[in-house]
Amino acid sequence: MTEDQFRELLDRHGGDLERWPRATLREARRLLAQSVAAQAMLDELVAVELALTETDGDAAPPADLADRIFERAFGTRTASSDALAPDVAPLRGTIRPV
């Protein structure tokens, strides 16, 4: 197995090698035993997966998050600062994680 093939399998199956197809597992472990680059790829993906699962699902973003994103993206004041055209409705409420 090459490092490129290993990266593709990481992208497809994630960092938990036990969830990988058995046909690829032996070669993936062999590559991990020999390749520092493959070990780093796995470590990086596992760290990202852990960071994504450790978030507090009940934590709500700030109420003005959408306004701040709009302002940063377009360099203009938002509806909350009365800078938008009158026919544009301001963003209200909070954004919830999906």
Protein backbone atom coordinates (compact mmCIF):
# COMPACT_ATOMS: atom_id res chain seq x y z
CA MET A 1 0.00 0.00 0.00
CA THR A 2 1.30 3.45 -0.88
CA GLU A 3 0.94 6.54 1.27
CA ASP A 4 -1.47 8.00 -1.30
CA GLN A 5 -3.66 4.90 -1.12
CA PHE A 6 -3.53 5.11 2.68
CA ARG A 7 -4.65 8.75 2.57
CA GLU A 8 -7.57 7.84 0.31
CA LEU A 9 -8.62 5.10 2.71
CA LEU A 10 -8.35 7.50 5.66
CA ASP A 11 -10.60 9.95 3.83
CA ARG A 12 -13.07 7.21 2.99
CA HIS A 13 -13.16 5.21 6.25
CA GLY A 14 -11.88 7.55 8.97
CA GLY A 15 -9.24 7.19 11.64
CA ASP A 16 -10.64 4.12 13.41
CA LEU A 17 -8.83 1.30 11.62
CA GLU A 18 -11.23 -1.27 13.05
CA ARG A 19 -13.91 0.18 10.76
CA TRP A 20 -11.80 -0.37 7.65
CA PRO A 21 -12.45 -3.27 5.29
CA ARG A 22 -10.49 -6.34 6.40
CA ALA A 23 -8.89 -6.64 2.97
CA THR A 24 -7.02 -3.35 3.46
CA LEU A 25 -6.33 -3.53 7.19
CA ARG A 26 -3.23 -5.74 7.10
CA GLU A 27 -1.49 -3.59 4.50
CA ALA A 28 -2.48 -0.40 6.29
CA ARG A 29 -0.96 -1.66 9.53
CA ARG A 30 2.18 -2.75 7.69
CA LEU A 31 2.50 0.74 6.19
CA LEU A 32 1.95 2.36 9.60
CA ALA A 33 4.77 0.26 11.04
CA GLN A 34 7.16 1.54 8.36
CA SER A 35 6.03 5.05 7.45
CA VAL A 36 6.29 8.10 9.67
CA ALA A 37 4.25 10.03 7.09
CA ALA A 38 1.38 7.51 7.31
CA GLN A 39 1.53 7.68 11.12
CA ALA A 40 1.31 11.48 10.94
CA MET A 41 -1.68 11.30 8.57
CA LEU A 42 -3.50 8.97 10.95
CA ASP A 43 -2.62 11.08 14.01
CA GLU A 44 -3.86 14.25 12.31
CA LEU A 45 -7.15 12.72 11.25
CA VAL A 46 -7.80 11.19 14.67
CA ALA A 47 -7.10 14.58 16.30
CA VAL A 48 -9.61 16.26 13.98
CA GLU A 49 -12.23 13.57 14.59
CA LEU A 50 -11.78 13.90 18.35
CA ALA A 51 -12.05 17.69 18.18
CA LEU A 52 -15.29 17.40 16.21
CA THR A 53 -16.84 14.94 18.65
CA GLU A 54 -15.80 16.83 21.79
CA THR A 55 -17.96 19.86 21.04
CA ASP A 56 -20.82 20.61 23.38
CA GLY A 57 -23.97 19.94 21.35
CA ASP A 58 -26.02 22.21 23.59
CA ALA A 59 -23.78 25.24 23.14
CA ALA A 60 -25.54 27.89 21.07
CA PRO A 61 -23.52 30.31 18.96
CA PRO A 62 -23.79 34.04 19.70
CA ALA A 63 -27.07 35.60 18.54
CA ASP A 64 -25.24 38.02 16.24
CA LEU A 65 -23.04 35.38 14.58
CA ALA A 66 -24.77 35.55 11.19
CA ASP A 67 -24.51 39.35 11.17
CA ARG A 68 -20.81 39.20 12.02
CA ILE A 69 -20.13 36.63 9.27
CA PHE A 70 -22.01 38.74 6.72
CA GLU A 71 -20.14 41.86 7.76
CA ARG A 72 -16.76 40.15 7.59
CA ALA A 73 -17.52 38.48 4.24
CA PHE A 74 -18.91 41.53 2.48
CA GLY A 75 -17.20 44.35 4.35
CA THR A 76 -20.46 46.14 5.05
CA ARG A 77 -22.50 46.85 8.12
CA THR A 78 -25.33 44.40 8.71
CA ALA A 79 -29.07 44.72 9.06
CA SER A 80 -28.64 45.24 12.77
CA SER A 81 -26.80 48.47 12.01
CA ASP A 82 -29.51 49.64 9.56
CA ALA A 83 -27.10 49.74 6.61
CA LEU A 84 -28.99 47.30 4.37
CA ALA A 85 -31.66 48.28 1.92
CA PRO A 86 -35.16 48.47 3.43
CA ASP A 87 -36.39 45.47 1.41
CA VAL A 88 -33.76 43.17 2.94
CA ALA A 89 -34.95 41.51 6.11
CA PRO A 90 -32.43 41.32 8.94
CA LEU A 91 -31.21 37.92 10.11
CA ARG A 92 -32.87 36.95 13.36
CA GLY A 93 -32.45 34.18 15.89
CA THR A 94 -29.56 31.86 16.45
CA ILE A 95 -27.81 29.37 14.25
CA ARG A 96 -27.98 25.83 15.56
CA PRO A 97 -25.51 23.07 14.69
CA VAL A 98 -26.86 20.51 12.27
